Each structure stands twice: as C-alpha cells, then as structure tokens.
C-alpha cells in the first residue's frame, strides 16, 4: 500500500489529504479528513477505482495536486501489484 500526503488548500493542520494505491483491494484511493471527520473518500472497496485520474479529480477541490501525482500512483500500483496480480519484476512502464 502506498500513501501520499498532499498539501491541503484549506490552511489548517487539522485537514489531512491523502492519495495512494491499496494493493490488497486493487484500487487507487483518496481521502480528506478535517478535525477527525472524513469529508471525502474514494476507492474504499475492492477494484473500485482503476484510474488514478478519478482520485485526482475528487481531491482537486481539497488539495494542491502535483503534476507528477498520476504517474506516481501508477508506478505505485505497478510496483506493488494487487492480490490478484502480483507486482511484475521487469522494468517500470513509461509515464
């Protein structure tokens, strides 16, 4: 599982924005937590999100999105694989 912390647009240490890849569930995910309350979540069930753009689009109102995030998430998924498809051993895919 990979998890990347993003910079929240709302300048508050209580806001946490994360995106990543969950290999056991085979899904990209994203979440926004404000003062302990989850206000946004995507990719919480098995194979729910297979394109990182869905996570990025969902998080865009809440966080500054690095230009490299889509490629980073794809590389995480490729490197880690998922429960049904283990991670490959050969070279990484092109971005």
N, C-alpha and C. Protein backbone atom coordinates (compact mmCIF):
# COMPACT_ATOMS: atom_id res chain seq x y z
N UNK A 1 0.86 -1.17 0.00
CA UNK A 1 0.00 0.00 0.00
C UNK A 1 0.90 1.23 0.00
N UNK A 2 0.53 2.20 -0.82
CA UNK A 2 1.24 3.47 -0.82
C UNK A 2 0.30 4.55 -0.32
N UNK A 3 0.85 5.54 0.35
CA UNK A 3 0.06 6.68 0.79
C UNK A 3 0.89 7.94 0.61
N UNK A 4 0.31 8.91 -0.05
CA UNK A 4 0.97 10.19 -0.28
C UNK A 4 0.13 11.29 0.35
N UNK A 5 0.77 12.11 1.17
CA UNK A 5 0.10 13.24 1.81
C UNK A 5 0.21 14.45 0.90
N UNK A 6 -0.92 15.09 0.64
CA UNK A 6 -0.96 16.26 -0.22
C UNK A 6 -1.15 17.52 0.62
N UNK A 7 -0.81 18.66 0.03
CA UNK A 7 -0.97 19.94 0.72
C UNK A 7 -2.42 20.39 0.57
N UNK A 8 -3.08 20.55 1.71
CA UNK A 8 -4.49 20.96 1.70
C UNK A 8 -4.63 22.41 1.28
N UNK A 9 -5.68 22.72 0.53
CA UNK A 9 -5.97 24.10 0.14
C UNK A 9 -6.40 24.90 1.36
N UNK A 10 -7.21 24.28 2.23
CA UNK A 10 -7.62 24.92 3.47
C UNK A 10 -6.43 24.88 4.42
N UNK A 11 -5.89 26.03 4.72
CA UNK A 11 -4.67 26.10 5.55
C UNK A 11 -5.01 25.81 7.01
N UNK A 12 -4.99 24.52 7.33
CA UNK A 12 -5.27 24.10 8.70
C UNK A 12 -4.54 22.78 8.95
N UNK A 13 -3.84 22.68 10.07
CA UNK A 13 -3.17 21.41 10.37
C UNK A 13 -4.15 20.27 10.64
N UNK A 14 -5.43 20.62 10.84
CA UNK A 14 -6.45 19.60 11.11
C UNK A 14 -6.93 18.92 9.84
N UNK A 15 -6.58 19.45 8.66
CA UNK A 15 -7.02 18.86 7.40
C UNK A 15 -5.91 17.97 6.85
N UNK A 16 -6.25 16.72 6.60
CA UNK A 16 -5.30 15.76 6.04
C UNK A 16 -5.86 15.24 4.73
N UNK A 17 -5.06 15.36 3.66
CA UNK A 17 -5.47 14.89 2.34
C UNK A 17 -4.46 13.84 1.90
N UNK A 18 -4.94 12.65 1.56
CA UNK A 18 -4.06 11.57 1.15
C UNK A 18 -4.56 10.91 -0.13
N UNK A 19 -3.61 10.35 -0.87
CA UNK A 19 -3.92 9.57 -2.07
C UNK A 19 -2.96 8.41 -2.11
N UNK A 20 -3.36 7.30 -2.73
CA UNK A 20 -2.45 6.17 -2.82
C UNK A 20 -3.03 5.00 -3.58
N UNK A 21 -2.34 3.88 -3.42
CA UNK A 21 -2.70 2.61 -4.05
C UNK A 21 -2.84 1.57 -2.95
N UNK A 22 -3.94 0.84 -2.95
CA UNK A 22 -4.17 -0.24 -1.99
C UNK A 22 -4.11 -1.56 -2.75
N UNK A 23 -2.97 -2.24 -2.68
CA UNK A 23 -2.77 -3.49 -3.40
C UNK A 23 -3.76 -4.58 -3.03
N UNK A 24 -3.99 -4.83 -1.73
CA UNK A 24 -4.94 -5.88 -1.37
C UNK A 24 -6.35 -5.65 -1.93
N UNK A 25 -6.77 -4.39 -2.02
CA UNK A 25 -8.08 -4.09 -2.60
C UNK A 25 -8.01 -3.87 -4.11
N UNK A 26 -6.81 -3.66 -4.65
CA UNK A 26 -6.66 -3.43 -6.08
C UNK A 26 -7.32 -2.14 -6.52
N UNK A 27 -7.15 -1.07 -5.73
CA UNK A 27 -7.80 0.20 -6.04
C UNK A 27 -6.92 1.38 -5.67
N UNK A 28 -7.05 2.45 -6.45
CA UNK A 28 -6.48 3.72 -6.04
C UNK A 28 -7.45 4.31 -5.03
N UNK A 29 -6.95 5.13 -4.10
CA UNK A 29 -7.84 5.72 -3.11
C UNK A 29 -7.42 7.15 -2.80
N UNK A 30 -8.35 7.89 -2.24
CA UNK A 30 -8.08 9.24 -1.76
C UNK A 30 -9.01 9.54 -0.62
N UNK A 31 -8.54 10.40 0.29
CA UNK A 31 -9.41 10.79 1.39
C UNK A 31 -9.05 12.18 1.89
N UNK A 32 -10.05 12.82 2.46
CA UNK A 32 -9.89 14.11 3.10
C UNK A 32 -10.50 14.00 4.49
N UNK A 33 -9.70 14.31 5.49
CA UNK A 33 -10.15 14.26 6.88
C UNK A 33 -9.96 15.65 7.47
N UNK A 34 -11.02 16.19 8.09
CA UNK A 34 -10.97 17.51 8.71
C UNK A 34 -11.39 17.37 10.16
N UNK A 35 -10.48 17.67 11.07
CA UNK A 35 -10.74 17.53 12.51
C UNK A 35 -11.24 16.14 12.87
N UNK A 36 -10.68 15.13 12.24
CA UNK A 36 -11.05 13.75 12.55
C UNK A 36 -12.27 13.23 11.81
N UNK A 37 -12.96 14.10 11.09
CA UNK A 37 -14.15 13.70 10.33
C UNK A 37 -13.79 13.50 8.87
N UNK A 38 -14.10 12.32 8.34
CA UNK A 38 -13.85 12.07 6.92
C UNK A 38 -14.90 12.81 6.10
N UNK A 39 -14.44 13.77 5.28
CA UNK A 39 -15.39 14.55 4.49
C UNK A 39 -15.41 14.13 3.03
N UNK A 40 -14.42 13.34 2.62
CA UNK A 40 -14.39 12.81 1.26
C UNK A 40 -13.59 11.53 1.27
N UNK A 41 -14.08 10.53 0.55
CA UNK A 41 -13.34 9.28 0.38
C UNK A 41 -13.74 8.63 -0.93
N UNK A 42 -12.75 8.09 -1.61
CA UNK A 42 -12.98 7.37 -2.86
C UNK A 42 -12.02 6.19 -2.90
N UNK A 43 -12.45 5.09 -3.49
CA UNK A 43 -11.59 3.91 -3.60
C UNK A 43 -11.52 3.10 -2.33
N UNK A 44 -12.63 2.96 -1.66
CA UNK A 44 -12.65 2.27 -0.38
C UNK A 44 -13.08 0.80 -0.48
N UNK A 45 -13.44 0.37 -1.68
CA UNK A 45 -13.85 -1.02 -1.85
C UNK A 45 -13.04 -1.67 -2.97
N UNK A 46 -13.08 -2.97 -3.03
CA UNK A 46 -12.27 -3.76 -3.97
C UNK A 46 -12.47 -3.32 -5.42
N UNK A 47 -11.37 -3.02 -6.10
CA UNK A 47 -11.32 -2.65 -7.52
C UNK A 47 -12.26 -1.50 -7.88
N UNK A 48 -12.54 -0.63 -6.93
CA UNK A 48 -13.47 0.49 -7.15
C UNK A 48 -12.89 1.52 -8.12
N UNK A 49 -11.60 1.88 -7.96
CA UNK A 49 -11.00 2.92 -8.79
C UNK A 49 -9.75 2.35 -9.47
N UNK A 50 -9.83 2.20 -10.77
CA UNK A 50 -8.71 1.63 -11.51
C UNK A 50 -7.93 2.68 -12.31
N UNK A 51 -8.37 3.93 -12.24
CA UNK A 51 -7.69 5.03 -12.92
C UNK A 51 -7.38 6.11 -11.89
N UNK A 52 -6.11 6.46 -11.70
CA UNK A 52 -5.76 7.46 -10.69
C UNK A 52 -6.38 8.83 -10.96
N UNK A 53 -6.78 9.10 -12.20
CA UNK A 53 -7.42 10.39 -12.51
C UNK A 53 -8.71 10.58 -11.71
N UNK A 54 -9.41 9.49 -11.39
CA UNK A 54 -10.65 9.59 -10.61
C UNK A 54 -10.33 10.14 -9.21
N UNK A 55 -9.26 9.63 -8.61
CA UNK A 55 -8.84 10.10 -7.28
C UNK A 55 -8.40 11.56 -7.37
N UNK A 56 -7.59 11.87 -8.36
CA UNK A 56 -7.07 13.23 -8.52
C UNK A 56 -8.21 14.23 -8.71
N UNK A 57 -9.16 13.90 -9.56
CA UNK A 57 -10.30 14.79 -9.79
C UNK A 57 -11.11 14.98 -8.50
N UNK A 58 -11.27 13.94 -7.73
CA UNK A 58 -12.01 14.03 -6.48
C UNK A 58 -11.31 14.86 -5.43
N UNK A 59 -9.98 14.82 -5.41
CA UNK A 59 -9.21 15.55 -4.40
C UNK A 59 -8.93 17.00 -4.80
N UNK A 60 -9.08 17.31 -6.07
CA UNK A 60 -8.72 18.65 -6.57
C UNK A 60 -9.36 19.81 -5.78
N UNK A 61 -10.63 19.73 -5.33
CA UNK A 61 -11.19 20.85 -4.56
C UNK A 61 -10.56 21.01 -3.17
N UNK A 62 -9.83 19.99 -2.71
CA UNK A 62 -9.32 19.99 -1.35
C UNK A 62 -7.80 20.16 -1.24
N UNK A 63 -7.05 19.91 -2.32
CA UNK A 63 -5.59 19.87 -2.21
C UNK A 63 -4.91 20.40 -3.45
N UNK A 64 -3.67 20.82 -3.25
CA UNK A 64 -2.80 21.15 -4.37
C UNK A 64 -2.32 19.83 -4.95
N UNK A 65 -2.53 19.63 -6.24
CA UNK A 65 -2.20 18.35 -6.87
C UNK A 65 -0.89 18.49 -7.65
N UNK A 66 0.14 17.76 -7.25
CA UNK A 66 1.40 17.81 -8.00
C UNK A 66 1.20 17.25 -9.41
N UNK A 67 1.89 17.85 -10.38
CA UNK A 67 1.79 17.37 -11.76
C UNK A 67 2.18 15.90 -11.88
N UNK A 68 3.03 15.44 -11.00
CA UNK A 68 3.55 14.07 -11.07
C UNK A 68 2.67 13.03 -10.37
N UNK A 69 1.58 13.46 -9.74
CA UNK A 69 0.82 12.52 -8.91
C UNK A 69 0.26 11.34 -9.70
N UNK A 70 -0.27 11.58 -10.87
CA UNK A 70 -0.85 10.47 -11.66
C UNK A 70 0.23 9.42 -11.97
N UNK A 71 1.39 9.87 -12.44
CA UNK A 71 2.47 8.93 -12.74
C UNK A 71 2.97 8.23 -11.48
N UNK A 72 3.02 8.95 -10.38
CA UNK A 72 3.46 8.35 -9.11
C UNK A 72 2.51 7.25 -8.67
N UNK A 73 1.21 7.51 -8.74
CA UNK A 73 0.23 6.50 -8.33
C UNK A 73 0.27 5.28 -9.25
N UNK A 74 0.41 5.51 -10.55
CA UNK A 74 0.51 4.37 -11.49
C UNK A 74 1.76 3.54 -11.19
N UNK A 75 2.87 4.22 -10.89
CA UNK A 75 4.10 3.49 -10.56
C UNK A 75 3.94 2.69 -9.27
N UNK A 76 3.23 3.26 -8.29
CA UNK A 76 2.96 2.53 -7.05
C UNK A 76 2.19 1.25 -7.34
N UNK A 77 1.14 1.36 -8.16
CA UNK A 77 0.31 0.19 -8.48
C UNK A 77 1.12 -0.84 -9.24
N UNK A 78 1.93 -0.39 -10.18
CA UNK A 78 2.75 -1.31 -10.96
C UNK A 78 3.75 -2.03 -10.04
N UNK A 79 4.40 -1.26 -9.17
CA UNK A 79 5.42 -1.82 -8.28
C UNK A 79 4.83 -2.79 -7.26
N UNK A 80 3.69 -2.44 -6.70
CA UNK A 80 3.11 -3.24 -5.62
C UNK A 80 2.16 -4.33 -6.10
N UNK A 81 1.61 -4.18 -7.29
CA UNK A 81 0.65 -5.17 -7.77
C UNK A 81 -0.60 -5.17 -6.92
N UNK A 82 -1.37 -6.24 -7.01
CA UNK A 82 -2.54 -6.39 -6.15
C UNK A 82 -2.71 -7.85 -5.80
N UNK A 83 -3.69 -8.15 -5.03
CA UNK A 83 -3.87 -9.51 -4.54
C UNK A 83 -4.04 -10.50 -5.69
N UNK A 84 -4.72 -10.07 -6.78
CA UNK A 84 -4.95 -10.98 -7.89
C UNK A 84 -3.77 -11.02 -8.86
N UNK A 85 -3.04 -9.91 -8.99
CA UNK A 85 -1.94 -9.83 -9.93
C UNK A 85 -0.71 -9.32 -9.19
N UNK A 86 0.27 -10.19 -8.91
CA UNK A 86 1.46 -9.76 -8.19
C UNK A 86 2.24 -8.71 -8.99
N UNK A 87 3.06 -7.95 -8.27
CA UNK A 87 3.89 -6.94 -8.93
C UNK A 87 4.85 -7.60 -9.89
N UNK A 88 5.04 -7.02 -11.08
CA UNK A 88 5.99 -7.57 -12.04
C UNK A 88 7.43 -7.34 -11.60
N UNK A 89 8.33 -8.09 -12.15
CA UNK A 89 9.73 -8.00 -11.77
C UNK A 89 10.53 -7.19 -12.78
N UNK A 90 10.02 -6.98 -13.97
CA UNK A 90 10.76 -6.28 -15.03
C UNK A 90 10.65 -4.76 -14.88
N UNK A 91 11.12 -4.03 -15.88
CA UNK A 91 11.17 -2.57 -15.84
C UNK A 91 9.79 -1.94 -15.70
N UNK A 92 9.77 -0.74 -15.13
CA UNK A 92 8.53 0.01 -14.91
C UNK A 92 7.97 0.51 -16.24
N UNK A 93 6.63 0.70 -16.29
CA UNK A 93 6.02 1.24 -17.52
C UNK A 93 6.37 2.71 -17.71
N UNK A 94 6.26 3.19 -18.92
CA UNK A 94 6.50 4.60 -19.21
C UNK A 94 5.39 5.45 -18.61
N UNK A 95 5.72 6.65 -18.22
CA UNK A 95 4.72 7.56 -17.62
C UNK A 95 3.81 8.15 -18.66
